[in-house]
C-alpha atoms as a PDB file:
ATOM      1  CA  UNK A   1     -32.921  60.797  23.676  1.00  0.00           C
ATOM      2  CA  UNK A   2     -30.068  58.968  25.257  1.00  0.00           C
ATOM      3  CA  UNK A   3     -30.129  61.192  28.466  1.00  0.00           C
ATOM      4  CA  UNK A   4     -33.998  60.629  28.604  1.00  0.00           C
ATOM      5  CA  UNK A   5     -33.518  56.907  28.461  1.00  0.00           C
ATOM      6  CA  UNK A   6     -30.847  56.645  31.057  1.00  0.00           C
ATOM      7  CA  UNK A   7     -32.770  59.016  33.403  1.00  0.00           C
ATOM      8  CA  UNK A   8     -36.030  57.156  33.121  1.00  0.00           C
ATOM      9  CA  UNK A   9     -35.011  53.644  33.069  1.00  0.00           C
ATOM     10  CA  UNK A  10     -37.810  52.832  30.535  1.00  0.00           C
ATOM     11  CA  UNK A  11     -37.661  50.451  27.687  1.00  0.00           C
ATOM     12  CA  UNK A  12     -36.312  51.944  24.351  1.00  0.00           C
ATOM     13  CA  UNK A  13     -36.958  50.884  20.912  1.00  0.00           C
ATOM     14  CA  UNK A  14     -36.369  52.232  17.532  1.00  0.00           C
ATOM     15  CA  UNK A  15     -38.562  52.391  14.542  1.00  0.00           C
ATOM     16  CA  UNK A  16     -36.862  50.904  11.285  1.00  0.00           C
ATOM     17  CA  UNK A  17     -36.035  54.272   9.758  1.00  0.00           C
ATOM     18  CA  UNK A  18     -34.348  55.449  13.008  1.00  0.00           C
ATOM     19  CA  UNK A  19     -32.046  52.193  13.402  1.00  0.00           C
ATOM     20  CA  UNK A  20     -28.503  53.178  14.053  1.00  0.00           C
ATOM     21  CA  UNK A  21     -29.452  56.639  15.515  1.00  0.00           C
ATOM     22  CA  UNK A  22     -29.855  55.408  19.190  1.00  0.00           C
ATOM     23  CA  UNK A  23     -27.081  53.282  20.733  1.00  0.00           C
ATOM     24  CA  UNK A  24     -28.228  49.824  20.990  1.00  0.00           C
ATOM     25  CA  UNK A  25     -25.860  49.321  23.915  1.00  0.00           C
ATOM     26  CA  UNK A  26     -28.354  51.099  26.252  1.00  0.00           C
ATOM     27  CA  UNK A  27     -29.335  48.670  29.090  1.00  0.00           C
ATOM     28  CA  UNK A  28     -33.038  48.951  28.321  1.00  0.00           C
ATOM     29  CA  UNK A  29     -32.818  48.663  24.572  1.00  0.00           C
ATOM     30  CA  UNK A  30     -35.366  46.060  23.390  1.00  0.00           C
ATOM     31  CA  UNK A  31     -34.908  46.224  19.627  1.00  0.00           C
ATOM     32  CA  UNK A  32     -36.882  47.547  16.523  1.00  0.00           C
ATOM     33  CA  UNK A  33     -40.570  48.346  16.791  1.00  0.00           C
ATOM     34  CA  UNK A  34     -42.205  47.472  13.451  1.00  0.00           C
ATOM     35  CA  UNK A  35     -45.591  46.131  14.264  1.00  0.00           C
ATOM     36  CA  UNK A  36     -46.144  42.361  13.368  1.00  0.00           C
ATOM     37  CA  UNK A  37     -42.458  42.107  12.180  1.00  0.00           C
ATOM     38  CA  UNK A  38     -40.759  43.744  15.100  1.00  0.00           C
ATOM     39  CA  UNK A  39     -37.803  42.276  16.955  1.00  0.00           C
ATOM     40  CA  UNK A  40     -38.938  39.363  19.144  1.00  0.00           C
ATOM     41  CA  UNK A  41     -41.144  40.703  22.152  1.00  0.00           C
ATOM     42  CA  UNK A  42     -40.646  44.254  21.247  1.00  0.00           C
ATOM     43  CA  UNK A  43     -44.123  44.886  19.906  1.00  0.00           C
ATOM     44  CA  UNK A  44     -45.693  43.115  22.868  1.00  0.00           C
ATOM     45  CA  UNK A  45     -43.716  45.446  25.192  1.00  0.00           C
ATOM     46  CA  UNK A  46     -44.499  48.650  23.375  1.00  0.00           C
ATOM     47  CA  UNK A  47     -48.095  47.995  22.719  1.00  0.00           C
ATOM     48  CA  UNK A  48     -48.913  46.801  26.209  1.00  0.00           C
ATOM     49  CA  UNK A  49     -47.292  49.751  27.903  1.00  0.00           C
ATOM     50  CA  UNK A  50     -49.382  52.185  29.882  1.00  0.00           C
ATOM     51  CA  UNK A  51     -48.010  55.110  27.797  1.00  0.00           C
ATOM     52  CA  UNK A  52     -45.495  55.510  25.007  1.00  0.00           C
ATOM     53  CA  UNK A  53     -43.429  58.504  23.692  1.00  0.00           C
ATOM     54  CA  UNK A  54     -42.527  58.612  20.021  1.00  0.00           C
ATOM     55  CA  UNK A  55     -39.808  61.039  18.868  1.00  0.00           C
ATOM     56  CA  UNK A  56     -39.960  62.014  15.203  1.00  0.00           C
ATOM     57  CA  UNK A  57     -42.039  59.111  14.175  1.00  0.00           C
ATOM     58  CA  UNK A  58     -43.176  58.535  10.529  1.00  0.00           C
ATOM     59  CA  UNK A  59     -46.443  56.624  10.446  1.00  0.00           C
ATOM     60  CA  UNK A  60     -46.961  55.568   6.810  1.00  0.00           C
ATOM     61  CA  UNK A  61     -47.928  52.266   5.113  1.00  0.00           C
ATOM     62  CA  UNK A  62     -44.484  50.886   4.982  1.00  0.00           C
ATOM     63  CA  UNK A  63     -43.382  51.923   8.540  1.00  0.00           C
ATOM     64  CA  UNK A  64     -46.642  50.795  10.277  1.00  0.00           C
ATOM     65  CA  UNK A  65     -46.829  47.615   8.274  1.00  0.00           C
ATOM     66  CA  UNK A  66     -49.966  48.484   6.311  1.00  0.00           C
ATOM     67  CA  UNK A  67     -51.450  50.674   9.325  1.00  0.00           C
ATOM     68  CA  UNK A  68     -51.595  47.487  11.605  1.00  0.00           C
ATOM     69  CA  UNK A  69     -50.045  48.980  14.692  1.00  0.00           C
ATOM     70  CA  UNK A  70     -52.013  48.203  17.750  1.00  0.00           C
ATOM     71  CA  UNK A  71     -51.385  51.483  19.444  1.00  0.00           C
ATOM     72  CA  UNK A  72     -53.814  53.776  21.321  1.00  0.00           C
ATOM     73  CA  UNK A  73     -53.649  57.309  20.562  1.00  0.00           C
ATOM     74  CA  UNK A  74     -54.857  58.447  23.973  1.00  0.00           C
ATOM     75  CA  UNK A  75     -51.739  56.689  25.471  1.00  0.00           C
ATOM     76  CA  UNK A  76     -49.168  58.397  23.080  1.00  0.00           C
ATOM     77  CA  UNK A  77     -46.897  61.470  23.280  1.00  0.00           C
ATOM     78  CA  UNK A  78     -45.834  62.299  19.708  1.00  0.00           C
ATOM     79  CA  UNK A  79     -42.861  64.572  19.639  1.00  0.00           C
ATOM     80  CA  UNK A  80     -42.135  66.209  16.428  1.00  0.00           C
ATOM     81  CA  UNK A  81     -39.251  68.551  15.496  1.00  0.00           C
ATOM     82  CA  UNK A  82     -41.210  71.599  16.556  1.00  0.00           C
ATOM     83  CA  UNK A  83     -44.351  70.395  18.266  1.00  0.00           C
ATOM     84  CA  UNK A  84     -45.813  67.960  20.982  1.00  0.00           C
ATOM     85  CA  UNK A  85     -49.053  66.135  20.803  1.00  0.00           C
ATOM     86  CA  UNK A  86     -50.439  64.559  24.032  1.00  0.00           C
ATOM     87  CA  UNK A  87     -52.787  61.717  23.494  1.00  0.00           C
ATOM     88  CA  UNK A  88     -56.110  62.968  22.030  1.00  0.00           C
ATOM     89  CA  UNK A  89     -55.556  66.303  23.735  1.00  0.00           C
ATOM     90  CA  UNK A  90     -53.808  69.364  22.674  1.00  0.00           C
ATOM     91  CA  UNK A  91     -50.817  70.028  20.386  1.00  0.00           C
ATOM     92  CA  UNK A  92     -48.309  72.341  21.671  1.00  0.00           C
ATOM     93  CA  UNK A  93     -46.540  74.352  18.881  1.00  0.00           C
ATOM     94  CA  UNK A  94     -43.146  76.125  18.935  1.00  0.00           C
ATOM     95  CA  UNK A  95     -41.691  73.441  21.238  1.00  0.00           C
ATOM     96  CA  UNK A  96     -38.327  72.071  19.945  1.00  0.00           C
ATOM     97  CA  UNK A  97     -37.739  68.270  20.164  1.00  0.00           C
ATOM     98  CA  UNK A  98     -34.299  68.708  21.634  1.00  0.00           C
ATOM     99  CA  UNK A  99     -35.513  71.245  24.295  1.00  0.00           C
ATOM    100  CA  UNK A 100     -38.544  68.993  25.200  1.00  0.00           C
ATOM    101  CA  UNK A 101     -36.501  65.770  25.526  1.00  0.00           C
ATOM    102  CA  UNK A 102     -33.778  67.663  27.463  1.00  0.00           C
ATOM    103  CA  UNK A 103     -36.341  69.007  29.848  1.00  0.00           C
ATOM    104  CA  UNK A 104     -38.138  65.814  30.302  1.00  0.00           C
ATOM    105  CA  UNK A 105     -34.742  63.981  31.115  1.00  0.00           C
ATOM    106  CA  UNK A 106     -34.211  66.481  33.848  1.00  0.00           C
ATOM    107  CA  UNK A 107     -37.561  65.970  35.460  1.00  0.00           C
ATOM    108  CA  UNK A 108     -38.585  62.318  35.031  1.00  0.00           C
ATOM    109  CA  UNK A 109     -38.463  59.762  37.990  1.00  0.00           C
ATOM    110  CA  UNK A 110     -36.157  56.836  37.426  1.00  0.00           C
ATOM    111  CA  UNK A 111     -37.981  53.580  37.160  1.00  0.00           C
ATOM    112  CA  UNK A 112     -36.874  51.297  40.064  1.00  0.00           C
ATOM    113  CA  UNK A 113     -36.327  48.427  40.264  1.00  0.00           C
ATOM    114  CA  UNK A 114     -35.918  48.067  36.479  1.00  0.00           C
ATOM    115  CA  UNK A 115     -37.514  44.755  35.027  1.00  0.00           C
ATOM    116  CA  UNK A 116     -35.166  42.020  33.774  1.00  0.00           C
ATOM    117  CA  UNK A 117     -34.197  42.709  30.339  1.00  0.00           C
ATOM    118  CA  UNK A 118     -34.928  40.105  27.705  1.00  0.00           C
ATOM    119  CA  UNK A 119     -31.874  40.017  25.245  1.00  0.00           C
ATOM    120  CA  UNK A 120     -33.649  40.334  21.875  1.00  0.00           C
ATOM    121  CA  UNK A 121     -31.008  41.969  19.672  1.00  0.00           C
ATOM    122  CA  UNK A 122     -28.044  40.468  17.941  1.00  0.00           C
ATOM    123  CA  UNK A 123     -30.054  37.445  16.903  1.00  0.00           C
ATOM    124  CA  UNK A 124     -31.419  36.749  13.467  1.00  0.00           C
ATOM    125  CA  UNK A 125     -35.080  36.152  12.968  1.00  0.00           C
ATOM    126  CA  UNK A 126     -34.273  36.614   9.239  1.00  0.00           C
ATOM    127  CA  UNK A 127     -31.974  33.597   9.528  1.00  0.00           C
ATOM    128  CA  UNK A 128     -34.780  31.569  11.007  1.00  0.00           C
ATOM    129  CA  UNK A 129     -37.294  32.393   8.339  1.00  0.00           C
ATOM    130  CA  UNK A 130     -34.851  32.064   5.423  1.00  0.00           C
ATOM    131  CA  UNK A 131     -35.453  29.310   2.870  1.00  0.00           C
ATOM    132  CA  UNK A 132     -32.298  27.806   1.934  1.00  0.00           C
ATOM    133  CA  UNK A 133     -32.052  25.855  -1.348  1.00  0.00           C
ATOM    134  CA  UNK A 134     -29.456  23.539  -2.779  1.00  0.00           C
ATOM    135  CA  UNK A 135     -27.615  24.898  -5.894  1.00  0.00           C
ATOM    136  CA  UNK A 136     -28.079  22.826  -8.951  1.00  0.00           C
ATOM    137  CA  UNK A 137     -24.768  21.427 -10.134  1.00  0.00           C
ATOM    138  CA  UNK A 138     -23.054  22.844  -7.015  1.00  0.00           C
ATOM    139  CA  UNK A 139     -21.404  21.000  -4.070  1.00  0.00           C
ATOM    140  CA  UNK A 140     -22.406  23.677  -1.600  1.00  0.00           C
ATOM    141  CA  UNK A 141     -25.607  25.367  -0.633  1.00  0.00           C
ATOM    142  CA  UNK A 142     -26.691  28.400  -2.726  1.00  0.00           C
ATOM    143  CA  UNK A 143     -26.081  31.763  -1.306  1.00  0.00           C
ATOM    144  CA  UNK A 144     -29.261  32.992   0.526  1.00  0.00           C
ATOM    145  CA  UNK A 145     -30.076  36.429   1.283  1.00  0.00           C
ATOM    146  CA  UNK A 146     -29.936  35.878   4.939  1.00  0.00           C
ATOM    147  CA  UNK A 147     -26.549  34.124   4.772  1.00  0.00           C
ATOM    148  CA  UNK A 148     -25.239  37.278   2.920  1.00  0.00           C
ATOM    149  CA  UNK A 149     -26.361  39.539   5.685  1.00  0.00           C
ATOM    150  CA  UNK A 150     -25.021  37.207   8.454  1.00  0.00           C
ATOM    151  CA  UNK A 151     -21.670  37.349   6.630  1.00  0.00           C
ATOM    152  CA  UNK A 152     -21.835  41.186   6.310  1.00  0.00           C
ATOM    153  CA  UNK A 153     -23.265  41.797   9.858  1.00  0.00           C
ATOM    154  CA  UNK A 154     -22.294  44.460  12.248  1.00  0.00           C
ATOM    155  CA  UNK A 155     -20.508  41.693  14.358  1.00  0.00           C
ATOM    156  CA  UNK A 156     -18.252  41.163  11.268  1.00  0.00           C
ATOM    157  CA  UNK A 157     -17.508  45.017  11.382  1.00  0.00           C
ATOM    158  CA  UNK A 158     -16.667  44.702  15.142  1.00  0.00           C
ATOM    159  CA  UNK A 159     -14.080  42.092  14.511  1.00  0.00           C
ATOM    160  CA  UNK A 160     -12.358  44.072  11.714  1.00  0.00           C
ATOM    161  CA  UNK A 161      -9.509  46.444  12.705  1.00  0.00           C
ATOM    162  CA  UNK A 162     -10.966  49.353  10.494  1.00  0.00           C
ATOM    163  CA  UNK A 163     -14.375  50.810  11.413  1.00  0.00           C
ATOM    164  CA  UNK A 164     -16.960  50.159   8.831  1.00  0.00           C
ATOM    165  CA  UNK A 165     -20.298  52.067   7.896  1.00  0.00           C
ATOM    166  CA  UNK A 166     -23.120  50.450   6.022  1.00  0.00           C
ATOM    167  CA  UNK A 167     -25.720  51.826   3.811  1.00  0.00           C
ATOM    168  CA  UNK A 168     -28.953  49.846   3.166  1.00  0.00           C
ATOM    169  CA  UNK A 169     -32.020  49.869   1.071  1.00  0.00           C
ATOM    170  CA  UNK A 170     -35.694  48.977   1.636  1.00  0.00           C
ATOM    171  CA  UNK A 171     -35.743  45.197   1.742  1.00  0.00           C
ATOM    172  CA  UNK A 172     -32.413  44.775   3.696  1.00  0.00           C
ATOM    173  CA  UNK A 173     -34.165  46.172   6.818  1.00  0.00           C
ATOM    174  CA  UNK A 174     -36.396  43.037   7.346  1.00  0.00           C
ATOM    175  CA  UNK A 175     -33.344  41.087   7.713  1.00  0.00           C
ATOM    176  CA  UNK A 176     -31.108  43.558   9.511  1.00  0.00           C
ATOM    177  CA  UNK A 177     -33.553  44.980  11.985  1.00  0.00           C
ATOM    178  CA  UNK A 178     -32.278  42.437  14.624  1.00  0.00           C
ATOM    179  CA  UNK A 179     -28.565  42.761  14.014  1.00  0.00           C
ATOM    180  CA  UNK A 180     -26.917  44.733  16.688  1.00  0.00           C
ATOM    181  CA  UNK A 181     -25.140  47.944  15.484  1.00  0.00           C
ATOM    182  CA  UNK A 182     -22.793  49.097  18.334  1.00  0.00           C
ATOM    183  CA  UNK A 183     -22.159  52.855  17.843  1.00  0.00           C
ATOM    184  CA  UNK A 184     -18.493  52.414  18.775  1.00  0.00           C
ATOM    185  CA  UNK A 185     -17.987  50.291  15.916  1.00  0.00           C
ATOM    186  CA  UNK A 186     -20.146  51.133  12.918  1.00  0.00           C
ATOM    187  CA  UNK A 187     -23.218  53.090  11.767  1.00  0.00           C
ATOM    188  CA  UNK A 188     -26.240  51.797  10.020  1.00  0.00           C
ATOM    189  CA  UNK A 189     -27.936  54.031   7.448  1.00  0.00           C
ATOM    190  CA  UNK A 190     -31.396  53.277   6.022  1.00  0.00           C
ATOM    191  CA  UNK A 191     -34.354  55.175   4.708  1.00  0.00           C
ATOM    192  CA  UNK A 192     -38.000  54.086   4.317  1.00  0.00           C
ATOM    193  CA  UNK A 193     -39.810  57.429   3.857  1.00  0.00           C
ATOM    194  CA  UNK A 194     -39.776  57.195  -0.002  1.00  0.00           C
ATOM    195  CA  UNK A 195     -39.152  53.470  -0.524  1.00  0.00           C
ATOM    196  CA  UNK A 196     -36.398  54.454  -2.966  1.00  0.00           C
ATOM    197  CA  UNK A 197     -34.724  51.442  -4.687  1.00  0.00           C
ATOM    198  CA  UNK A 198     -31.064  52.149  -5.232  1.00  0.00           C
ATOM    199  CA  UNK A 199     -30.933  55.089  -2.765  1.00  0.00           C
ATOM    200  CA  UNK A 200     -27.973  53.713  -0.900  1.00  0.00           C
ATOM    201  CA  UNK A 201     -25.695  53.940  -4.005  1.00  0.00           C
ATOM    202  CA  UNK A 202     -25.623  57.611  -4.034  1.00  0.00           C
ATOM    203  CA  UNK A 203     -25.637  57.822  -0.330  1.00  0.00           C
ATOM    204  CA  UNK A 204     -22.723  55.607  -0.080  1.00  0.00           C
ATOM    205  CA  UNK A 205     -20.759  57.876  -2.560  1.00  0.00           C
ATOM    206  CA  UNK A 206     -21.368  61.013  -0.434  1.00  0.00           C
ATOM    207  CA  UNK A 207     -20.908  59.174   2.902  1.00  0.00           C
ATOM    208  CA  UNK A 208     -17.598  57.744   1.800  1.00  0.00           C
ATOM    209  CA  UNK A 209     -16.290  61.004   0.506  1.00  0.00           C
ATOM    210  CA  UNK A 210     -17.102  62.756   4.014  1.00  0.00           C
ATOM    211  CA  UNK A 211     -16.073  59.773   6.249  1.00  0.00           C
ATOM    212  CA  UNK A 212     -12.510  59.126   5.153  1.00  0.00           C
ATOM    213  CA  UNK A 213     -11.514  57.466   8.296  1.00  0.00           C
ATOM    214  CA  UNK A 214     -13.846  54.399   7.959  1.00  0.00           C
ATOM    215  CA  UNK A 215     -14.479  51.790   5.296  1.00  0.00           C
ATOM    216  CA  UNK A 216     -18.072  51.349   4.104  1.00  0.00           C
ATOM    217  CA  UNK A 217     -20.082  48.399   3.462  1.00  0.00           C
ATOM    218  CA  UNK A 218     -23.151  48.437   1.333  1.00  0.00           C
ATOM    219  CA  UNK A 219     -25.859  46.023   0.447  1.00  0.00           C
ATOM    220  CA  UNK A 220     -28.018  46.878  -2.507  1.00  0.00           C
ATOM    221  CA  UNK A 221     -30.389  45.396  -4.985  1.00  0.00           C
ATOM    222  CA  UNK A 222     -29.762  48.101  -7.799  1.00  0.00           C
ATOM    223  CA  UNK A 223     -26.751  49.851  -8.863  1.00  0.00           C
ATOM    224  CA  UNK A 224     -26.555  53.449 -10.076  1.00  0.00           C
ATOM    225  CA  UNK A 225     -23.549  53.176 -12.491  1.00  0.00           C
ATOM    226  CA  UNK A 226     -22.563  56.760 -12.586  1.00  0.00           C
ATOM    227  CA  UNK A 227     -22.194  56.950  -8.791  1.00  0.00           C
ATOM    228  CA  UNK A 228     -19.983  53.977  -8.920  1.00  0.00           C
ATOM    229  CA  UNK A 229     -17.826  55.676 -11.666  1.00  0.00           C
ATOM    230  CA  UNK A 230     -17.443  58.648  -9.219  1.00  0.00           C
ATOM    231  CA  UNK A 231     -16.388  56.342  -6.428  1.00  0.00           C
ATOM    232  CA  UNK A 232     -13.573  55.098  -8.601  1.00  0.00           C
ATOM    233  CA  UNK A 233     -12.568  58.510  -9.701  1.00  0.00           C
ATOM    234  CA  UNK A 234     -12.386  59.668  -5.945  1.00  0.00           C
ATOM    235  CA  UNK A 235     -10.302  56.581  -5.157  1.00  0.00           C
ATOM    236  CA  UNK A 236     -12.839  55.328  -2.569  1.00  0.00           C
ATOM    237  CA  UNK A 237     -12.404  52.001  -0.884  1.00  0.00           C
ATOM    238  CA  UNK A 238     -15.863  50.892  -0.098  1.00  0.00           C
ATOM    239  CA  UNK A 239     -17.270  47.338  -0.308  1.00  0.00           C
ATOM    240  CA  UNK A 240     -20.334  46.885  -2.389  1.00  0.00           C
ATOM    241  CA  UNK A 241     -22.521  43.817  -2.303  1.00  0.00           C
ATOM    242  CA  UNK A 242     -24.915  43.631  -5.040  1.00  0.00           C
ATOM    243  CA  UNK A 243     -27.751  41.104  -4.318  1.00  0.00           C
ATOM    244  CA  UNK A 244     -28.753  39.711  -7.742  1.00  0.00           C
ATOM    245  CA  UNK A 245     -31.967  37.759  -7.550  1.00  0.00           C
ATOM    246  CA  UNK A 246     -33.210  38.882 -10.952  1.00  0.00           C
ATOM    247  CA  UNK A 247     -36.141  41.116  -9.639  1.00  0.00           C
ATOM    248  CA  UNK A 248     -37.651  43.260  -7.024  1.00  0.00           C
ATOM    249  CA  UNK A 249     -38.472  41.046  -4.166  1.00  0.00           C
ATOM    250  CA  UNK A 250     -39.839  43.648  -1.960  1.00  0.00           C
ATOM    251  CA  UNK A 251     -42.388  44.544  -4.664  1.00  0.00           C
ATOM    252  CA  UNK A 252     -43.153  40.891  -5.304  1.00  0.00           C
ATOM    253  CA  UNK A 253     -44.250  40.362  -1.678  1.00  0.00           C
ATOM    254  CA  UNK A 254     -46.530  43.576  -1.974  1.00  0.00           C
ATOM    255  CA  UNK A 255     -48.036  42.666  -5.415  1.00  0.00           C
ATOM    256  CA  UNK A 256     -46.492  40.138  -7.762  1.00  0.00           C
ATOM    257  CA  UNK A 257     -46.586  40.416 -11.428  1.00  0.00           C
ATOM    258  CA  UNK A 258     -44.247  40.282 -14.552  1.00  0.00           C
ATOM    259  CA  UNK A 259     -43.285  43.923 -13.969  1.00  0.00           C
ATOM    260  CA  UNK A 260     -41.260  42.779 -11.030  1.00  0.00           C
ATOM    261  CA  UNK A 261     -38.813  40.634 -13.230  1.00  0.00           C
ATOM    262  CA  UNK A 262     -35.997  42.728 -14.601  1.00  0.00           C
ATOM    263  CA  UNK A 263     -33.734  42.268 -17.519  1.00  0.00           C
ATOM    264  CA  UNK A 264     -30.579  40.852 -15.950  1.00  0.00           C
ATOM    265  CA  UNK A 265     -27.141  42.372 -16.530  1.00  0.00           C
ATOM    266  CA  UNK A 266     -23.711  41.054 -16.121  1.00  0.00           C
ATOM    267  CA  UNK A 267     -23.086  43.483 -13.185  1.00  0.00           C
ATOM    268  CA  UNK A 268     -19.435  42.540 -12.696  1.00  0.00           C
ATOM    269  CA  UNK A 269     -18.700  43.145 -16.283  1.00  0.00           C
ATOM    270  CA  UNK A 270     -20.420  46.478 -16.115  1.00  0.00           C
ATOM    271  CA  UNK A 271     -18.182  47.616 -13.168  1.00  0.00           C
ATOM    272  CA  UNK A 272     -15.082  46.337 -15.037  1.00  0.00           C
ATOM    273  CA  UNK A 273     -16.155  48.380 -18.031  1.00  0.00           C
ATOM    274  CA  UNK A 274     -16.510  51.575 -15.839  1.00  0.00           C
ATOM    275  CA  UNK A 275     -13.112  50.638 -14.271  1.00  0.00           C
ATOM    276  CA  UNK A 276     -11.542  50.678 -17.710  1.00  0.00           C
ATOM    277  CA  UNK A 277      -8.261  50.089 -16.145  1.00  0.00           C
ATOM    278  CA  UNK A 278      -8.139  53.437 -14.366  1.00  0.00           C
ATOM    279  CA  UNK A 279      -8.216  53.530 -10.502  1.00  0.00           C
ATOM    280  CA  UNK A 280      -8.333  50.564  -8.053  1.00  0.00           C
ATOM    281  CA  UNK A 281     -11.303  48.246  -8.385  1.00  0.00           C
ATOM    282  CA  UNK A 282     -11.819  44.545  -7.708  1.00  0.00           C
ATOM    283  CA  UNK A 283     -14.925  42.514  -8.766  1.00  0.00           C
ATOM    284  CA  UNK A 284     -16.171  39.095  -8.146  1.00  0.00           C
ATOM    285  CA  UNK A 285     -19.321  37.095  -8.553  1.00  0.00           C
ATOM    286  CA  UNK A 286     -20.283  34.446  -6.017  1.00  0.00           C
ATOM    287  CA  UNK A 287     -22.932  31.802  -6.031  1.00  0.00           C
ATOM    288  CA  UNK A 288     -22.496  30.034  -2.603  1.00  0.00           C
ATOM    289  CA  UNK A 289     -21.897  30.870   0.939  1.00  0.00           C
ATOM    290  CA  UNK A 290     -18.344  29.525   0.844  1.00  0.00           C
ATOM    291  CA  UNK A 291     -17.460  31.696  -2.074  1.00  0.00           C
ATOM    292  CA  UNK A 292     -18.901  34.692  -0.281  1.00  0.00           C
ATOM    293  CA  UNK A 293     -16.799  34.028   2.684  1.00  0.00           C
ATOM    294  CA  UNK A 294     -13.707  33.904   0.641  1.00  0.00           C
ATOM    295  CA  UNK A 295     -14.620  36.986  -1.319  1.00  0.00           C
ATOM    296  CA  UNK A 296     -15.111  39.032   2.117  1.00  0.00           C
ATOM    297  CA  UNK A 297     -11.689  37.725   3.152  1.00  0.00           C
ATOM    298  CA  UNK A 298     -10.137  38.850  -0.150  1.00  0.00           C
ATOM    299  CA  UNK A 299     -11.869  42.257   0.221  1.00  0.00           C
ATOM    300  CA  UNK A 300     -10.826  43.028   3.726  1.00  0.00           C
ATOM    301  CA  UNK A 301      -7.251  41.516   3.047  1.00  0.00           C
ATOM    302  CA  UNK A 302      -5.428  41.671  -0.195  1.00  0.00           C
ATOM    303  CA  UNK A 303      -7.835  44.267  -1.702  1.00  0.00           C
ATOM    304  CA  UNK A 304      -8.524  46.411   1.336  1.00  0.00           C
ATOM    305  CA  UNK A 305      -7.054  49.468  -0.397  1.00  0.00           C
ATOM    306  CA  UNK A 306      -9.368  49.401  -3.423  1.00  0.00           C
ATOM    307  CA  UNK A 307     -13.040  49.555  -4.202  1.00  0.00           C
ATOM    308  CA  UNK A 308     -14.563  46.093  -4.088  1.00  0.00           C
ATOM    309  CA  UNK A 309     -17.693  44.897  -5.901  1.00  0.00           C
ATOM    310  CA  UNK A 310     -19.117  41.548  -4.983  1.00  0.00           C
ATOM    311  CA  UNK A 311     -22.076  40.219  -6.892  1.00  0.00           C
ATOM    312  CA  UNK A 312     -24.118  37.708  -4.805  1.00  0.00           C
ATOM    313  CA  UNK A 313     -26.393  35.364  -6.714  1.00  0.00           C
ATOM    314  CA  UNK A 314     -29.565  34.596  -4.784  1.00  0.00           C
ATOM    315  CA  UNK A 315     -32.753  32.795  -5.568  1.00  0.00           C
ATOM    316  CA  UNK A 316     -35.581  34.968  -6.648  1.00  0.00           C
ATOM    317  CA  UNK A 317     -37.867  33.730  -3.846  1.00  0.00           C
ATOM    318  CA  UNK A 318     -35.332  33.926  -0.989  1.00  0.00           C
ATOM    319  CA  UNK A 319     -36.644  36.345   1.564  1.00  0.00           C
ATOM    320  CA  UNK A 320     -37.384  36.538   5.286  1.00  0.00           C
ATOM    321  CA  UNK A 321     -40.687  35.689   6.993  1.00  0.00           C
ATOM    322  CA  UNK A 322     -40.932  39.150   8.214  1.00  0.00           C
ATOM    323  CA  UNK A 323     -40.885  40.462   4.809  1.00  0.00           C
ATOM    324  CA  UNK A 324     -43.505  37.988   3.854  1.00  0.00           C
ATOM    325  CA  UNK A 325     -45.625  39.145   6.701  1.00  0.00           C
ATOM    326  CA  UNK A 326     -44.781  42.859   5.959  1.00  0.00           C
ATOM    327  CA  UNK A 327     -45.725  42.444   2.147  1.00  0.00           C
ATOM    328  CA  UNK A 328     -49.173  40.823   2.840  1.00  0.00           C
ATOM    329  CA  UNK A 329     -50.153  43.556   5.207  1.00  0.00           C
ATOM    330  CA  UNK A 330     -49.011  46.529   2.910  1.00  0.00           C
ATOM    331  CA  UNK A 331     -50.813  44.820   0.215  1.00  0.00           C
ATOM    332  CA  UNK A 332     -54.152  44.628   2.058  1.00  0.00           C
ATOM    333  CA  UNK A 333     -53.749  48.230   3.274  1.00  0.00           C
ATOM    334  CA  UNK A 334     -52.940  49.393  -0.325  1.00  0.00           C
ATOM    335  CA  UNK A 335     -55.710  47.558  -1.927  1.00  0.00           C
ATOM    336  CA  UNK A 336     -58.576  48.594   0.497  1.00  0.00           C
ATOM    337  CA  UNK A 337     -61.565  50.604  -0.868  1.00  0.00           C
ATOM    338  CA  UNK A 338     -61.492  54.371  -0.501  1.00  0.00           C
ATOM    339  CA  UNK A 339     -62.534  55.634   2.966  1.00  0.00           C
ATOM    340  CA  UNK A 340     -64.124  59.039   2.468  1.00  0.00           C
ATOM    341  CA  UNK A 341     -63.316  61.439   5.429  1.00  0.00           C
END
């Protein structure tokens, strides 16, 4: 894919599930294509193109923002692992994706002169859409979801002497889709195919066990306790940020109801109980951005050689404008009447 992008000179975007798989340092990289909640200007560039090539896409309700993509099938080349479909025309089977992309890279004509690239990555539309609130009885602003991601962004990883890898779950992509992830510094892992809440905890366990030369960051809304116990037993040194807002915000934005309010736990006490004086573990709870900044300094400084667990208290309605848009569109798509084929 990189060879094709460099040979063609065409604009390159990733869908949310593929973020981190393609180097965002490519000169023609334009961001994350996610319909109405894309990186700024990305959707307009993609959907107004004369043609588009999708490599390994998944077009479900989540990835297509409630099936609201403004794409035309007759302009698309869809490349799957073992077949290629051209527009409304034929599908060619027994064609491997890697072979097709390599052959295309060797035959495509380079686009010259390339259009001026508009820098759309590295910003934070999540930050612009975040609703910050004053913390009752506190001298500082409450910790917002977007400020947590800003503090834990790949730019922070770049400044660290040790390379870091981050795992992520469904809600976080709406904030992190615009954060630059330079492949020489860190990797970004995210899954949307199953909408699995808590997926990243087990993923972090396996990732940390395999990539022992890096330190991992994880931002998660639900903890799988047994996996954390195994992390301690294996002496892993990851940093886990648990975003505690008392519910399932992504589900609230799709369809609100009392079933989205969870019984709150004392998560730091839970991890302390799992620790039980055996292994290296440090936990803390933060309620404002200043406390979060201090916790990150401690986790990357004095406690860099142990598993660090930071519980971040956030408001239950703190979210991004992208998630609000995404949730309303997915809700509309999922509540539509049946369409007999």
